[in-house]
Amino acid sequence: MSRGVADVTPARLALLNGGSVASATLTEGLAIDFTQLLVAAVPDIGAARLDRMRAQAAAGITKRMVLAAQLLLDGQVDLAPLQDHVSDTVRGWACFAIAAQTGWTLPQQLAAMRPLADDGHFGVREWAWLALRPRLAAHLLDAIALLAPWTADPSERVRRFACEALRPRGVWCAHIAQLKEAPQLALPLLQPLRADPAVYVQDAVANWLNDAAKSQPDWVRKLCAQWLQESDNAATARICKRAQRSLA
């Protein structure tokens, strides 16, 4: 298992850059040369676009993901094959390209993103919510209403997306001030998941509430007390314990 970018072997890096394997760790994903991968995934992308990608080689990975997606859109590249590409990074580019489709409505973007939110690779699932989060946050109430049915999806990955995408603070992303101040707005997403059987979803709900506890601790305490009073479900107990881990 790679410990740092420098520990990724040349042979493994060549496979990653060539788009013939998926990354096994975050470290491997960080080691990928986006310019080389772009050539492998879209051979006719054009020299000028490759130069733009090359010029941003030292930028943070999220900025490079956004740029790669924009280059795909500028080149009018068909996104459908990229959503099924072997490389999880290429599928991540598709996530950001979907999020950057300015002519699409939010329901259209969510429908296009759903298969990527349910992707088998952990990295693609993270890119899916990170990519669409700014649009969701900008249309918060509509987003909550649209995501509420996802909390009943058979896939735990889709259920997790419904919660994770709108965490008040989140990871590697801007905070959502409206949810920091009024976390109750997200109850249509949280309430249906309060006894979810999947640990993956339980952790997402607990992390959401842990975020909220940093600005609205009393609300989180009261909500957890209510949930525990209403149910003796082990999943609910686990969520509430983890949700209040930062509270004195």
Protein backbone atom coordinates (compact mmCIF):
# COMPACT_ATOMS: atom_id res chain seq x y z
CA MET A 1 0.00 0.00 0.00
CA SER A 2 1.40 3.38 -0.99
CA ARG A 3 2.28 5.68 1.92
CA GLY A 4 3.01 8.84 -0.08
CA VAL A 5 3.01 10.03 -3.69
CA ALA A 6 6.72 9.26 -3.98
CA ASP A 7 6.04 5.66 -2.92
CA VAL A 8 3.86 4.94 -5.97
CA THR A 9 6.07 2.77 -8.17
CA PRO A 10 6.83 3.93 -11.74
CA ALA A 11 5.08 0.87 -13.14
CA ARG A 12 1.94 1.52 -11.10
CA LEU A 13 2.01 5.22 -11.95
CA ALA A 14 2.22 4.42 -15.66
CA LEU A 15 -0.95 2.33 -15.38
CA LEU A 16 -2.73 5.10 -13.47
CA ASN A 17 -1.64 7.79 -15.93
CA GLY A 18 -2.68 5.59 -18.83
CA GLY A 19 -6.16 5.15 -17.41
CA SER A 20 -5.95 1.36 -17.42
CA VAL A 21 -6.48 0.91 -13.67
CA ALA A 22 -8.40 2.61 -10.90
CA SER A 23 -6.59 4.14 -7.95
CA ALA A 24 -6.54 1.99 -4.84
CA THR A 25 -5.87 4.83 -2.41
CA LEU A 26 -6.18 8.59 -2.17
CA THR A 27 -2.40 8.78 -2.47
CA GLU A 28 -2.49 7.07 -5.84
CA GLY A 29 -5.16 9.49 -7.01
CA LEU A 30 -3.00 12.43 -5.98
CA ALA A 31 -0.03 11.02 -7.88
CA ILE A 32 -1.78 10.94 -11.26
CA ASP A 33 -0.53 13.24 -14.02
CA PHE A 34 -3.78 14.73 -15.32
CA THR A 35 -2.25 15.75 -18.63
CA GLN A 36 -1.14 12.21 -19.40
CA LEU A 37 -4.47 10.79 -18.30
CA LEU A 38 -6.36 13.32 -20.40
CA VAL A 39 -4.38 12.24 -23.49
CA ALA A 40 -5.15 8.60 -22.73
CA ALA A 41 -8.85 9.15 -22.09
CA VAL A 42 -9.53 11.71 -24.84
CA PRO A 43 -6.77 11.44 -27.47
CA ASP A 44 -8.23 14.21 -29.63
CA ILE A 45 -8.65 16.74 -26.83
CA GLY A 46 -6.24 19.14 -28.55
CA ALA A 47 -2.81 20.59 -27.76
CA ALA A 48 -4.11 23.93 -26.47
CA ARG A 49 -6.31 22.25 -23.86
CA LEU A 50 -3.47 19.98 -22.82
CA ASP A 51 -1.28 23.05 -22.35
CA ARG A 52 -3.92 24.55 -20.04
CA MET A 53 -3.97 21.34 -18.04
CA ARG A 54 -0.18 21.17 -17.90
CA ALA A 55 0.02 24.77 -16.67
CA GLN A 56 -2.10 23.85 -13.64
CA ALA A 57 -0.12 20.75 -12.68
CA ALA A 58 0.82 22.22 -9.30
CA ALA A 59 -2.71 23.34 -8.40
CA GLY A 60 -4.81 21.55 -5.78
CA ILE A 61 -6.56 18.42 -6.94
CA THR A 62 -10.07 19.89 -6.76
CA LYS A 63 -9.05 22.83 -8.95
CA ARG A 64 -7.52 20.40 -11.44
CA MET A 65 -10.69 18.30 -11.42
CA VAL A 66 -12.75 21.41 -12.21
CA LEU A 67 -10.36 22.40 -15.00
CA ALA A 68 -10.34 18.95 -16.56
CA ALA A 69 -14.13 18.96 -16.62
CA GLN A 70 -14.21 22.39 -18.23
CA LEU A 71 -11.75 21.24 -20.90
CA LEU A 72 -14.03 18.31 -21.67
CA LEU A 73 -17.01 20.63 -22.02
CA ASP A 74 -15.03 23.11 -24.12
CA GLY A 75 -14.02 20.25 -26.40
CA GLN A 76 -17.64 19.03 -26.59
CA VAL A 77 -16.49 15.60 -25.49
CA ASP A 78 -19.19 12.94 -25.11
CA LEU A 79 -19.40 12.34 -21.36
CA ALA A 80 -21.24 9.02 -21.55
CA PRO A 81 -18.15 6.86 -22.21
CA LEU A 82 -16.20 8.72 -19.54
CA GLN A 83 -18.79 7.83 -16.89
CA ASP A 84 -17.91 4.16 -17.47
CA HIS A 85 -14.16 4.66 -17.82
CA VAL A 86 -11.82 2.32 -15.93
CA SER A 87 -10.11 5.30 -14.29
CA ASP A 88 -11.95 6.61 -11.26
CA THR A 89 -10.32 10.00 -11.88
CA VAL A 90 -11.86 10.17 -15.36
CA ARG A 91 -15.25 9.28 -13.89
CA GLY A 92 -14.60 12.08 -11.38
CA TRP A 93 -14.07 14.49 -14.27
CA ALA A 94 -17.50 13.45 -15.53
CA CYS A 95 -18.94 14.41 -12.12
CA PHE A 96 -17.55 17.92 -12.39
CA ALA A 97 -18.63 18.20 -16.02
CA ILE A 98 -22.20 17.34 -15.05
CA ALA A 99 -22.07 19.93 -12.28
CA ALA A 100 -20.77 22.55 -14.72
CA GLN A 101 -23.60 22.09 -17.22
CA THR A 102 -25.06 25.59 -16.90
CA GLY A 103 -27.98 24.85 -19.18
CA TRP A 104 -29.23 21.97 -17.07
CA THR A 105 -31.79 22.21 -14.29
CA LEU A 106 -30.94 20.87 -10.85
CA PRO A 107 -33.23 17.84 -11.35
CA GLN A 108 -31.39 17.08 -14.60
CA GLN A 109 -28.01 17.34 -12.90
CA LEU A 110 -29.10 15.10 -10.03
CA ALA A 111 -30.47 12.50 -12.43
CA ALA A 112 -27.20 12.50 -14.37
CA MET A 113 -25.15 12.35 -11.17
CA ARG A 114 -27.07 9.51 -9.55
CA PRO A 115 -25.11 6.63 -11.18
CA LEU A 116 -21.86 8.31 -10.11
CA ALA A 117 -23.19 8.81 -6.58
CA ASP A 118 -23.74 5.04 -6.62
CA ASP A 119 -20.33 4.26 -8.13
CA GLY A 120 -18.40 1.30 -6.79
CA HIS A 121 -15.27 3.39 -6.22
CA PHE A 122 -15.00 5.45 -3.04
CA GLY A 123 -13.28 8.32 -4.84
CA VAL A 124 -15.96 8.76 -7.49
CA ARG A 125 -18.65 8.88 -4.82
CA GLU A 126 -16.78 11.70 -3.09
CA TRP A 127 -16.30 13.64 -6.32
CA ALA A 128 -20.00 13.26 -7.08
CA TRP A 129 -21.17 15.17 -4.02
CA LEU A 130 -18.24 17.59 -3.98
CA ALA A 131 -18.88 18.56 -7.59
CA LEU A 132 -22.59 19.22 -7.20
CA ARG A 133 -22.51 20.68 -3.68
CA PRO A 134 -22.11 24.37 -4.76
CA ARG A 135 -25.20 24.12 -6.98
CA LEU A 136 -27.14 22.30 -4.28
CA ALA A 137 -26.17 24.90 -1.68
CA ALA A 138 -27.15 27.75 -3.99
CA HIS A 139 -30.65 26.27 -4.31
CA LEU A 140 -30.83 24.79 -0.82
CA LEU A 141 -34.55 24.32 -0.26
CA ASP A 142 -35.09 22.91 -3.75
CA ALA A 143 -32.09 20.63 -3.25
CA ILE A 144 -33.45 19.29 0.05
CA ALA A 145 -36.81 18.59 -1.55
CA LEU A 146 -35.18 16.82 -4.50
CA LEU A 147 -32.84 14.76 -2.33
CA ALA A 148 -35.50 13.70 0.18
CA PRO A 149 -36.67 10.75 -2.00
CA TRP A 150 -33.05 9.58 -2.24
CA THR A 151 -33.16 8.76 1.48
CA ALA A 152 -35.44 5.81 0.60
CA ASP A 153 -33.26 4.51 -2.24
CA PRO A 154 -32.33 0.81 -2.09
CA SER A 155 -28.65 1.76 -2.46
CA GLU A 156 -26.90 2.82 0.73
CA ARG A 157 -24.52 4.86 -1.44
CA VAL A 158 -27.37 6.97 -2.81
CA ARG A 159 -28.88 7.37 0.65
CA ARG A 160 -25.49 8.49 1.93
CA PHE A 161 -25.15 11.05 -0.89
CA ALA A 162 -28.47 12.63 0.12
CA CYS A 163 -27.01 13.40 3.54
CA GLU A 164 -23.32 13.91 2.79
CA ALA A 165 -23.79 16.42 -0.02
CA LEU A 166 -25.31 19.02 2.29
CA ARG A 167 -23.26 18.68 5.47
CA PRO A 168 -23.14 22.12 7.15
CA ARG A 169 -19.34 22.12 7.22
CA GLY A 170 -18.20 19.11 5.26
CA VAL A 171 -14.71 18.18 4.14
CA TRP A 172 -12.68 19.86 1.36
CA CYS A 173 -15.58 22.21 0.65
CA ALA A 174 -17.13 25.52 1.59
CA HIS A 175 -19.47 25.64 4.57
CA ILE A 176 -23.20 26.16 4.10
CA ALA A 177 -24.00 29.12 6.36
CA GLN A 178 -27.75 28.61 6.16
CA LEU A 179 -27.49 25.08 7.56
CA LYS A 180 -25.01 26.12 10.24
CA GLU A 181 -27.59 28.61 11.49
CA ALA A 182 -30.75 26.61 10.81
CA PRO A 183 -29.88 22.88 10.67
CA GLN A 184 -33.55 21.99 11.08
CA LEU A 185 -34.03 22.80 7.40
CA ALA A 186 -32.36 19.46 6.62
CA LEU A 187 -34.71 17.34 8.74
CA PRO A 188 -36.39 15.93 5.58
CA LEU A 189 -33.00 14.30 4.87
CA LEU A 190 -31.95 13.40 8.40
CA GLN A 191 -35.20 12.09 9.87
CA PRO A 192 -35.67 9.22 7.37
CA LEU A 193 -32.07 8.08 7.96
CA ARG A 194 -32.10 8.13 11.77
CA ALA A 195 -32.26 4.31 11.95
CA ASP A 196 -30.58 3.40 8.66
CA PRO A 197 -29.15 -0.14 8.81
CA ALA A 198 -25.99 0.74 6.84
CA VAL A 199 -22.96 1.91 8.82
CA TYR A 200 -21.94 3.95 5.77
CA VAL A 201 -25.14 5.98 6.10
CA GLN A 202 -25.06 6.06 9.89
CA ASP A 203 -21.62 7.67 9.79
CA ALA A 204 -22.84 10.29 7.31
CA VAL A 205 -25.81 11.23 9.51
CA ALA A 206 -23.62 11.34 12.62
CA ASN A 207 -21.04 13.50 10.86
CA TRP A 208 -23.78 15.83 9.62
CA LEU A 209 -25.03 16.30 13.18
CA ASN A 210 -21.48 16.65 14.52
CA ASP A 211 -21.03 19.50 12.05
CA ALA A 212 -24.26 21.09 13.24
CA ALA A 213 -23.26 20.68 16.88
CA LYS A 214 -20.38 23.10 16.39
CA SER A 215 -22.82 25.97 15.84
CA GLN A 216 -26.12 24.64 17.23
CA PRO A 217 -25.20 22.21 20.04
CA ASP A 218 -28.51 22.46 21.88
CA TRP A 219 -30.47 21.61 18.75
CA VAL A 220 -28.38 18.48 18.21
CA ARG A 221 -28.79 17.42 21.85
CA LYS A 222 -32.55 17.86 21.67
CA LEU A 223 -32.86 16.04 18.35
CA CYS A 224 -30.80 13.09 19.57
CA ALA A 225 -32.79 12.94 22.80
CA GLN A 226 -36.00 12.90 20.77
CA TRP A 227 -34.75 10.13 18.48
CA LEU A 228 -33.59 8.00 21.40
CA GLN A 229 -36.91 8.48 23.17
CA GLU A 230 -38.86 7.46 20.08
CA SER A 231 -36.78 4.39 19.30
CA ASP A 232 -34.47 1.88 20.93
CA ASN A 233 -32.95 0.96 17.56
CA ALA A 234 -29.23 0.19 17.78
CA ALA A 235 -28.52 2.21 14.63
CA THR A 236 -30.15 5.29 16.14
CA ALA A 237 -28.14 4.87 19.33
CA ARG A 238 -24.92 4.62 17.35
CA ILE A 239 -25.75 7.71 15.28
CA CYS A 240 -26.60 9.78 18.35
CA LYS A 241 -23.47 8.75 20.21
CA ARG A 242 -21.24 9.68 17.28
CA ALA A 243 -23.22 12.85 16.59
CA GLN A 244 -22.50 14.17 20.07
CA ARG A 245 -18.84 13.12 20.26
CA SER A 246 -17.61 16.71 20.24
CA LEU A 247 -20.05 17.97 22.85
CA ALA A 248 -18.98 18.35 26.47
